[in-house]
Structure formats: C-alpha cells, structure tokens
Amino acid sequence: MIQAYLRYWLAARDEHSLHSPFLYDLYTRTIRVDDRNAPAYAPIAQVREHLCSNSSQIHVTDFGTGAGQYHRSIGSIARKSLKADKYGRLLYRLTQRFQTRTVLDFGTSLGVTTAYLAKGTEGMGGQVVTFEGCPETAALAGQTFAQLGCTNVRQVVGNLDQTLAPALAQLPPVDLVFFDANHRYTPTIQYFTACLERIHNDSVFVFDDIHWSAEMEQAWQTIQEHPAVTVSVDLFALGLVFFRREQPRQHFVLRL
C-alpha cells in the first residue's frame, strides 16, 4: 500500500494538467470541492459518530474479504470499514452533478456511505439499491436509513454472487454504481461486467480501494483497458470510470 501511494503521489496532477473541458469542469466543480460544512452532511456525520462509539457486538457474515463469520463490535466495524466523510461527500456531489435516478451500492455495511448516495439522489426522485451480504449488518443499516429519513433506499440482502443478476434484470439503465463489496480480482471484474449490460452514455462507475491490494490494482488495470471505458480517474482511494463515447480515451491520476 505504501509503495502504491508513492507511485500515485508521484503521478498525481491537478487541474493545470487537464485539457479536456469535461474533466476540468468535473475536477474543479465536483471532485476537488471543500463543502464539508454543507448542512446536508451534518445528520450523517452524527450517525457515524454514534456508530463509532457503539460497543454492542453483532455476528458478521463476510463475503467481501473471505474472512468468513465472526463476532465484532459495531464501533469496530464503523471505524474500520466506513469510508471517510470526504469520500461520502464526493459520492453525494457525483449524484448531484449527474442527476442520478438509479444508483447501485455494492457493500452497504452500516449504511453511512449509502446515505450520502441516497440524500444526493432523492431530489431527482431516484432510488438507491444497496446490496449487503450480512443480515445483521443490513439490519443496522436499515436503522441508519430510518434515522436519516432515507426513504429512497431498497436493500438487497445475501451473497452478491446470487443477488446481483436478478436485481439488475428488474432495473432500468443505471446512472451510478459504487463498487465496495468483494475486494478481490475475479468478483470485482464479474460485477463490473454484469453492470456493463445496464449502462448508458453518461453512467458513472466508482470503485473503492483500487490500490488496496495487488488483486485490486490488477482489477483496476483490467477495467481501465475495457473497450467500453473511455475515461478513468485514479484518486487513489477511489477510481472513477466513464463511458462517454464523445470523449477521447484517456486515463487521469488526480489529487483529491
């Protein structure tokens, strides 16, 4: 991970290196924006704080890392698995920018990141379909959604390998997909390929932890090289993928 970050840090650029109007506008008005004090985020931050201090234990079924089943405190899960607020805020801004109506979230966890997607989408009358393998974790996420008034979230519980295809078959083309479930090469590529069947020209795919392991870096490279992908953006913790046919094929490494 340290070597991966050093490679990223040496390669990363800012808006002065961007000659694409689409990327320049996306970077300056959506990606690199400091809106931490926006009122929409305060309730989500409060729920996060409460979860991080919760010492109650639950039985976890973990499909995403291959760890199996174990007991763990809610606070430990929250502190280790929840994305930092700045990434949740970026997801919120992406839903706003692209006016998303159909959003998929792979890896609900405790529902905090899903809440950013839901709050960003609700103004468009959209829906977030979120997938979680662990029933007890999904139940806690349901409480998060109730606390935050996220009425536009539909939960799908079970192994994503079995639940994804039936769910996709019932959905319209997807506007945004957040991949934060199984952090291994083969499942990541399988989920990516399945979702390609539901894209349109302005769909956005967001991949979590693209430098988390050698497998994830390999998956990220495979995704970048896919013929359907025209633009990719490496933000180190996240990778963004676009399918805009009007864009020249380019890969960017940018500072967040």
Protein backbone atom coordinates (compact mmCIF):
# COMPACT_ATOMS: atom_id res chain seq x y z
CA MET A 1 0.00 0.00 0.00
CA ILE A 2 2.84 2.44 0.82
CA GLN A 3 4.56 1.78 -2.50
CA ALA A 4 1.24 2.17 -4.31
CA TYR A 5 0.69 5.53 -2.63
CA LEU A 6 4.18 6.71 -3.54
CA ARG A 7 3.55 5.80 -7.18
CA TYR A 8 0.24 7.63 -7.04
CA TRP A 9 1.73 10.70 -5.35
CA LEU A 10 4.45 10.99 -8.00
CA ALA A 11 1.95 10.62 -10.85
CA ALA A 12 -0.94 12.71 -9.49
CA ARG A 13 -1.71 16.05 -11.11
CA ASP A 14 -4.19 18.88 -10.59
CA GLU A 15 -6.43 20.99 -12.82
CA HIS A 16 -3.47 22.63 -14.58
CA SER A 17 -2.76 19.35 -16.39
CA LEU A 18 -6.32 18.93 -17.68
CA HIS A 19 -7.04 19.93 -21.27
CA SER A 20 -10.36 18.09 -21.50
CA PRO A 21 -13.23 20.53 -20.78
CA PHE A 22 -15.29 17.67 -19.30
CA LEU A 23 -12.54 16.59 -16.90
CA TYR A 24 -11.53 20.14 -15.99
CA ASP A 25 -15.10 21.02 -15.07
CA LEU A 26 -15.63 17.73 -13.24
CA TYR A 27 -12.42 18.15 -11.27
CA THR A 28 -12.80 21.80 -10.29
CA ARG A 29 -16.54 21.83 -9.63
CA THR A 30 -17.22 18.33 -8.31
CA ILE A 31 -14.12 16.38 -7.28
CA ARG A 32 -11.89 18.94 -5.61
CA VAL A 33 -14.52 20.86 -3.69
CA ASP A 34 -14.42 21.62 0.04
CA ASP A 35 -18.07 21.59 1.10
CA ARG A 36 -17.63 19.90 4.48
CA ASN A 37 -19.86 22.46 6.19
CA ALA A 38 -22.85 21.94 3.91
CA PRO A 39 -26.00 21.35 6.02
CA ALA A 40 -26.88 18.12 4.20
CA TYR A 41 -23.92 16.31 5.75
CA ALA A 42 -24.35 17.10 9.45
CA PRO A 43 -27.03 14.44 10.24
CA ILE A 44 -24.97 11.73 8.51
CA ALA A 45 -21.86 12.74 10.47
CA GLN A 46 -23.82 12.49 13.71
CA VAL A 47 -24.98 8.97 12.90
CA ARG A 48 -21.42 7.99 12.01
CA GLU A 49 -20.17 9.31 15.38
CA HIS A 50 -22.83 7.32 17.24
CA LEU A 51 -21.95 4.12 15.37
CA CYS A 52 -18.24 4.55 16.04
CA SER A 53 -18.89 4.68 19.80
CA ASN A 54 -21.29 1.70 19.87
CA SER A 55 -19.71 -1.22 21.76
CA SER A 56 -22.52 -3.72 21.04
CA GLN A 57 -21.44 -6.84 19.19
CA ILE A 58 -23.03 -8.47 16.15
CA HIS A 59 -22.46 -11.67 14.21
CA VAL A 60 -20.80 -10.77 10.91
CA THR A 61 -21.02 -12.80 7.72
CA ASP A 62 -18.21 -11.51 5.49
CA PHE A 63 -18.25 -12.37 1.78
CA GLY A 64 -16.15 -9.36 0.72
CA THR A 65 -12.76 -10.26 2.19
CA GLY A 66 -13.11 -14.01 2.57
CA ALA A 67 -12.86 -13.73 6.36
CA GLY A 68 -15.96 -15.87 6.90
CA GLN A 69 -18.06 -15.40 10.05
CA TYR A 70 -17.08 -13.75 13.33
CA HIS A 71 -18.31 -11.50 16.14
CA ARG A 72 -17.32 -7.86 16.15
CA SER A 73 -18.40 -4.65 17.82
CA ILE A 74 -20.42 -2.14 15.83
CA GLY A 75 -17.90 0.56 16.72
CA SER A 76 -15.03 -1.53 15.37
CA ILE A 77 -16.88 -2.10 12.10
CA ALA A 78 -17.67 1.60 11.80
CA ARG A 79 -14.14 2.75 12.49
CA LYS A 80 -12.54 0.29 10.08
CA SER A 81 -14.98 -0.13 7.23
CA LEU A 82 -16.80 3.18 6.80
CA LYS A 83 -15.34 5.44 4.16
CA ALA A 84 -14.04 8.79 5.36
CA ASP A 85 -16.61 11.57 5.18
CA LYS A 86 -14.76 13.29 2.32
CA TYR A 87 -15.44 10.30 0.08
CA GLY A 88 -19.09 10.19 1.09
CA ARG A 89 -19.35 13.87 0.23
CA LEU A 90 -17.76 13.20 -3.17
CA LEU A 91 -20.34 10.49 -3.88
CA TYR A 92 -23.08 12.95 -2.91
CA ARG A 93 -21.67 15.55 -5.31
CA LEU A 94 -21.41 13.00 -8.12
CA THR A 95 -25.08 12.08 -7.74
CA GLN A 96 -25.96 15.76 -7.85
CA ARG A 97 -23.79 16.53 -10.87
CA PHE A 98 -25.06 13.65 -12.96
CA GLN A 99 -28.66 13.91 -11.75
CA THR A 100 -28.74 10.23 -10.89
CA ARG A 101 -32.03 8.39 -10.59
CA THR A 102 -30.92 4.74 -10.44
CA VAL A 103 -27.94 4.10 -8.17
CA LEU A 104 -26.43 0.76 -7.14
CA ASP A 105 -24.34 0.39 -3.99
CA PHE A 106 -22.34 -2.82 -3.56
CA GLY A 107 -21.47 -3.22 0.12
CA THR A 108 -23.96 -1.40 2.36
CA SER A 109 -22.05 -2.00 5.59
CA LEU A 110 -23.70 0.18 8.27
CA GLY A 111 -25.39 2.40 5.69
CA VAL A 112 -23.45 5.63 6.16
CA THR A 113 -21.95 5.83 2.66
CA THR A 114 -25.26 4.65 1.22
CA ALA A 115 -26.92 7.58 2.99
CA TYR A 116 -24.72 10.05 1.08
CA LEU A 117 -25.86 8.43 -2.17
CA ALA A 118 -29.49 8.43 -1.07
CA LYS A 119 -29.51 12.06 0.03
CA GLY A 120 -27.84 13.14 -3.20
CA THR A 121 -30.33 11.21 -5.30
CA GLU A 122 -33.62 11.90 -3.52
CA GLY A 123 -34.08 15.34 -5.08
CA MET A 124 -34.26 13.70 -8.51
CA GLY A 125 -36.86 11.21 -7.34
CA GLY A 126 -34.25 8.50 -7.62
CA GLN A 127 -33.62 5.23 -5.83
CA VAL A 128 -30.54 3.58 -4.34
CA VAL A 129 -30.48 -0.21 -4.47
CA THR A 130 -27.91 -1.34 -1.92
CA PHE A 131 -26.51 -4.85 -1.55
CA GLU A 132 -25.21 -6.35 1.69
CA GLY A 133 -24.20 -9.93 2.40
CA CYS A 134 -24.51 -9.90 6.19
CA PRO A 135 -28.10 -9.92 7.57
CA GLU A 136 -27.19 -8.35 10.93
CA THR A 137 -25.16 -5.59 9.31
CA ALA A 138 -28.02 -4.95 6.88
CA ALA A 139 -30.45 -4.63 9.79
CA LEU A 140 -28.24 -1.96 11.37
CA ALA A 141 -28.05 -0.17 8.03
CA GLY A 142 -31.84 -0.17 7.95
CA GLN A 143 -31.81 1.68 11.27
CA THR A 144 -29.38 4.22 9.79
CA PHE A 145 -31.72 4.85 6.87
CA ALA A 146 -34.71 5.24 9.20
CA GLN A 147 -32.82 7.72 11.41
CA LEU A 148 -31.81 9.82 8.41
CA GLY A 149 -35.14 9.61 6.61
CA CYS A 150 -33.66 7.82 3.59
CA THR A 151 -36.92 6.52 2.16
CA ASN A 152 -35.46 6.02 -1.32
CA VAL A 153 -33.22 3.08 -0.37
CA ARG A 154 -34.04 -0.53 -1.26
CA GLN A 155 -31.95 -3.17 0.49
CA VAL A 156 -30.98 -6.49 -1.10
CA VAL A 157 -29.54 -8.93 1.45
CA GLY A 158 -27.50 -12.00 0.59
CA ASN A 159 -24.42 -13.11 -1.31
CA LEU A 160 -23.94 -10.65 -4.17
CA ASP A 161 -22.96 -13.50 -6.45
CA GLN A 162 -26.58 -14.71 -6.22
CA THR A 163 -28.49 -11.44 -5.76
CA LEU A 164 -26.97 -9.18 -8.42
CA ALA A 165 -28.28 -10.72 -11.64
CA PRO A 166 -31.96 -10.91 -10.53
CA ALA A 167 -31.83 -7.33 -9.25
CA LEU A 168 -30.25 -5.98 -12.45
CA ALA A 169 -32.90 -7.71 -14.55
CA GLN A 170 -35.59 -5.63 -12.82
CA LEU A 171 -33.87 -2.25 -13.11
CA PRO A 172 -33.72 0.45 -15.78
CA PRO A 173 -30.29 1.56 -17.05
CA VAL A 174 -28.11 2.58 -14.12
CA ASP A 175 -26.73 6.07 -13.60
CA LEU A 176 -24.13 5.37 -10.92
CA VAL A 177 -22.66 2.23 -9.37
CA PHE A 178 -20.45 2.23 -6.26
CA PHE A 179 -18.35 -0.95 -6.05
CA ASP A 180 -17.38 -1.59 -2.43
CA ALA A 181 -18.13 -5.26 -1.87
CA ASN A 182 -15.75 -8.11 -2.66
CA HIS A 183 -12.19 -6.75 -2.80
CA ARG A 184 -10.77 -9.49 -4.99
CA TYR A 185 -9.97 -9.57 -8.68
CA THR A 186 -12.43 -12.10 -10.06
CA PRO A 187 -15.59 -10.93 -8.23
CA THR A 188 -14.79 -7.29 -8.97
CA ILE A 189 -14.49 -7.99 -12.69
CA GLN A 190 -17.61 -10.16 -12.63
CA TYR A 191 -19.69 -7.40 -11.02
CA PHE A 192 -18.24 -4.81 -13.39
CA THR A 193 -19.06 -6.95 -16.43
CA ALA A 194 -22.59 -7.63 -15.21
CA CYS A 195 -23.27 -3.93 -14.71
CA LEU A 196 -21.96 -3.06 -18.18
CA GLU A 197 -25.19 -4.56 -19.52
CA ARG A 198 -27.13 -1.72 -17.84
CA ILE A 199 -25.03 1.36 -18.67
CA HIS A 200 -25.83 4.38 -20.81
CA ASN A 201 -23.53 7.05 -22.22
CA ASP A 202 -23.46 9.11 -19.01
CA SER A 203 -23.24 6.30 -16.46
CA VAL A 204 -20.56 6.59 -13.77
CA PHE A 205 -18.87 3.68 -12.00
CA VAL A 206 -16.98 4.35 -8.76
CA PHE A 207 -14.58 1.70 -7.48
CA ASP A 208 -13.43 1.68 -3.87
CA ASP A 209 -9.91 0.73 -2.72
CA ILE A 210 -8.38 0.37 -6.18
CA HIS A 211 -4.89 0.21 -4.61
CA TRP A 212 -5.88 -1.88 -1.56
CA SER A 213 -4.06 -5.00 -2.82
CA ALA A 214 -2.26 -6.38 -5.86
CA GLU A 215 -5.53 -8.04 -6.90
CA MET A 216 -7.43 -4.76 -6.76
CA GLU A 217 -4.71 -2.97 -8.72
CA GLN A 218 -4.92 -5.71 -11.34
CA ALA A 219 -8.71 -5.36 -11.43
CA TRP A 220 -8.40 -1.58 -11.85
CA GLN A 221 -6.00 -2.04 -14.78
CA THR A 222 -8.34 -4.55 -16.43
CA ILE A 223 -11.26 -2.15 -16.01
CA GLN A 224 -9.31 0.76 -17.49
CA GLU A 225 -8.43 -1.33 -20.53
CA HIS A 226 -12.00 -2.47 -21.22
CA PRO A 227 -13.20 -1.24 -24.65
CA ALA A 228 -16.36 0.30 -23.16
CA VAL A 229 -14.34 2.59 -20.85
CA THR A 230 -13.35 5.91 -22.38
CA VAL A 231 -12.23 7.90 -19.32
CA SER A 232 -10.89 6.77 -15.96
CA VAL A 233 -9.77 8.83 -12.97
CA ASP A 234 -7.46 7.49 -10.26
CA LEU A 235 -7.97 9.32 -6.94
CA PHE A 236 -6.01 6.62 -5.08
CA ALA A 237 -8.78 5.66 -2.61
CA LEU A 238 -11.37 5.70 -5.39
CA GLY A 239 -11.41 5.14 -9.13
CA LEU A 240 -13.98 6.78 -11.42
CA VAL A 241 -14.96 5.27 -14.77
CA PHE A 242 -16.92 6.90 -17.59
CA PHE A 243 -18.34 5.56 -20.85
CA ARG A 244 -18.87 8.82 -22.76
CA ARG A 245 -18.46 7.98 -26.42
CA GLU A 246 -17.72 11.60 -27.30
CA GLN A 247 -14.60 11.63 -25.07
CA PRO A 248 -11.15 10.56 -26.31
CA ARG A 249 -9.82 7.55 -24.44
CA GLN A 250 -7.76 8.87 -21.51
CA HIS A 251 -6.63 7.92 -18.02
CA PHE A 252 -6.02 10.54 -15.34
CA VAL A 253 -4.27 10.36 -11.96
CA LEU A 254 -5.53 13.32 -9.94
CA ARG A 255 -5.18 14.72 -6.44
CA LEU A 256 -8.30 14.75 -4.28
